[in-house]
Protein backbone atom coordinates (compact mmCIF):
# COMPACT_ATOMS: atom_id res chain seq x y z
CA LYS A 1 -21.71 -14.08 -81.59
CA GLY A 2 -25.13 -15.41 -80.71
CA ARG A 3 -26.30 -15.62 -84.33
CA SER A 4 -28.37 -18.37 -85.87
CA LEU A 5 -27.71 -19.74 -89.34
CA ILE A 6 -30.34 -17.40 -90.79
CA TYR A 7 -27.84 -14.53 -90.54
CA TYR A 8 -25.69 -16.26 -93.14
CA CYS A 9 -28.34 -17.25 -95.69
CA GLN A 10 -28.45 -15.69 -99.14
CA ASP A 11 -32.14 -16.49 -99.47
CA MET A 12 -34.09 -17.16 -96.30
CA SER A 13 -37.44 -17.93 -97.93
CA GLU A 14 -37.62 -21.47 -96.64
CA GLN A 15 -36.57 -20.54 -93.11
CA LEU A 16 -39.16 -17.74 -92.98
CA ARG A 17 -41.84 -20.05 -94.38
CA LEU A 18 -41.09 -22.39 -91.50
CA GLY A 19 -41.39 -19.53 -88.99
CA ALA A 20 -37.75 -18.66 -88.26
CA ARG A 21 -37.36 -15.97 -85.60
CA VAL A 22 -35.87 -12.84 -87.14
CA ASP A 23 -36.73 -10.55 -84.23
CA VAL A 24 -34.16 -11.93 -81.78
CA LEU A 25 -31.11 -9.80 -81.01
CA ASP A 26 -27.63 -11.31 -81.30
CA ASP A 27 -24.81 -10.69 -78.81
CA SER A 28 -24.06 -7.38 -80.55
CA GLY A 29 -27.64 -6.19 -80.00
CA ASN A 30 -28.72 -6.57 -83.62
CA ALA A 31 -31.54 -8.54 -85.21
CA VAL A 32 -31.11 -9.97 -88.72
CA ILE A 33 -32.36 -6.74 -90.32
CA HIS A 34 -29.71 -4.64 -88.52
CA PHE A 35 -26.98 -7.16 -89.30
CA ALA A 36 -27.89 -7.10 -93.00
CA VAL A 37 -27.50 -3.31 -93.10
CA VAL A 38 -24.29 -3.11 -91.07
CA ALA A 39 -22.71 -5.92 -93.11
CA ASN A 40 -23.98 -4.38 -96.39
CA ARG A 41 -25.75 -7.64 -97.27
CA ALA A 42 -28.32 -6.38 -99.79
CA ASN A 43 -29.37 -9.91 -100.83
CA LEU A 44 -30.05 -10.89 -97.22
CA LEU A 45 -32.03 -7.70 -96.56
CA GLU A 46 -34.08 -8.00 -99.74
CA SER A 47 -34.81 -11.67 -99.02
CA LEU A 48 -35.91 -10.75 -95.50
CA LEU A 49 -38.18 -7.92 -96.65
CA LYS A 50 -40.05 -10.14 -99.14
CA HIS A 51 -41.78 -11.86 -96.22
CA GLU A 52 -44.25 -10.58 -93.64
CA LEU A 53 -42.04 -11.81 -90.77
CA GLY A 54 -39.20 -9.72 -92.13
CA LYS A 55 -41.33 -6.67 -92.89
CA ALA A 56 -42.57 -6.77 -89.31
CA THR A 57 -39.01 -5.95 -88.16
CA VAL A 58 -38.49 -2.97 -90.48
CA ASN A 59 -38.91 -0.41 -87.66
CA MET A 60 -37.49 -2.61 -84.90
CA ARG A 61 -34.85 -0.95 -82.74
CA ASN A 62 -31.59 -2.69 -81.98
CA GLY A 63 -29.84 -2.79 -78.61
CA GLN A 64 -28.68 0.82 -79.12
CA GLY A 65 -32.21 1.98 -79.91
CA LEU A 66 -31.55 2.35 -83.66
CA THR A 67 -33.60 1.15 -86.60
CA ALA A 68 -32.08 -0.45 -89.69
CA TYR A 69 -32.90 2.72 -91.66
CA GLN A 70 -31.00 4.85 -89.15
CA LEU A 71 -28.01 2.52 -89.36
CA SER A 72 -28.09 2.77 -93.16
CA LEU A 73 -27.69 6.55 -92.94
CA SER A 74 -24.20 6.35 -91.51
CA LEU A 75 -23.06 3.84 -94.11
CA LYS A 76 -24.30 5.57 -97.28
CA HIS A 77 -25.93 2.31 -98.44
CA GLN A 78 -28.45 3.82 -100.88
CA ARG A 79 -29.70 0.44 -102.15
CA LEU A 80 -30.35 -0.79 -98.61
CA ARG A 81 -31.97 2.49 -97.56
CA ALA A 82 -34.26 2.41 -100.61
CA ALA A 83 -35.29 -1.20 -99.86
CA LEU A 84 -36.10 -0.28 -96.26
CA VAL A 85 -38.20 2.72 -97.28
CA LYS A 86 -40.05 0.64 -99.87
CA ALA A 87 -40.81 -1.94 -97.15
CA GLY A 88 -42.33 0.76 -94.93
CA ALA A 89 -39.46 2.03 -92.79
CA ASP A 90 -40.61 5.01 -90.76
CA VAL A 91 -38.03 7.68 -91.56
CA THR A 92 -39.48 9.99 -88.90
CA ILE A 93 -38.51 7.86 -85.90
CA PRO A 94 -36.19 10.07 -83.83
CA ILE A 95 -32.57 9.05 -83.55
CA PRO A 96 -31.73 8.71 -79.87
CA GLY A 97 -29.00 10.85 -78.35
CA GLY A 98 -25.58 9.35 -77.88
CA LYS A 99 -22.48 8.45 -79.85
CA PHE A 100 -24.32 7.35 -83.00
CA ARG A 101 -26.27 10.61 -83.24
CA GLU A 102 -23.06 12.59 -82.63
CA HIS A 103 -21.38 10.58 -85.40
CA LEU A 104 -24.20 11.44 -87.81
CA GLU A 105 -24.03 15.11 -86.86
CA ARG A 106 -20.28 15.12 -87.61
CA LEU A 107 -21.01 13.53 -91.00
CA VAL A 108 -23.43 16.35 -91.80
CA GLU A 109 -20.70 18.88 -91.04
CA GLN A 110 -18.02 17.03 -93.04
CA VAL A 111 -19.92 15.96 -96.14
CA GLY A 112 -21.87 19.13 -96.85
CA PRO A 113 -23.56 19.30 -100.25
CA SER A 114 -21.37 16.69 -101.99
CA TRP A 115 -24.01 13.91 -101.55
CA PRO A 116 -27.33 15.81 -101.85
CA GLU A 117 -29.77 12.87 -101.70
CA TRP A 118 -28.01 11.19 -98.79
CA MET A 119 -27.51 14.53 -97.08
CA SER A 120 -31.21 15.33 -97.30
CA ALA A 121 -32.15 11.97 -95.74
CA LEU A 122 -29.56 12.42 -93.02
CA GLN A 123 -30.63 15.95 -92.12
CA SER A 124 -34.27 14.89 -92.06
CA ALA A 125 -33.49 12.01 -89.70
CA LEU A 126 -31.64 14.41 -87.40
CA GLY A 127 -34.50 16.91 -87.47
CA GLN A 128 -32.41 19.62 -89.13
């Protein structure tokens, strides 16, 4: 799917030290940081965010115009979301209109107050 071996590493320290490109989108429109979130690969994400090359992609948008933080909202991955925020993810970047935003808005309606911390982050991202 247009992915390099770096997508499948547990620890990418050596690859990043050698200057591996982590800002290239795969055939699905995701860079390594987006892939790590969607695949719930906390070790990959944390390894990526330890390095300046990885941190530089923290607010990068994927092919759908979404950041890794925004993707984490739909998946309820608290550990990943916390790692992204700690690395400097801008939680105020607007979520573009479209199917993903509609999906998040439906989640707000369905979940209600049962997940207060996640709900707060989700509502904030949607500007509610």
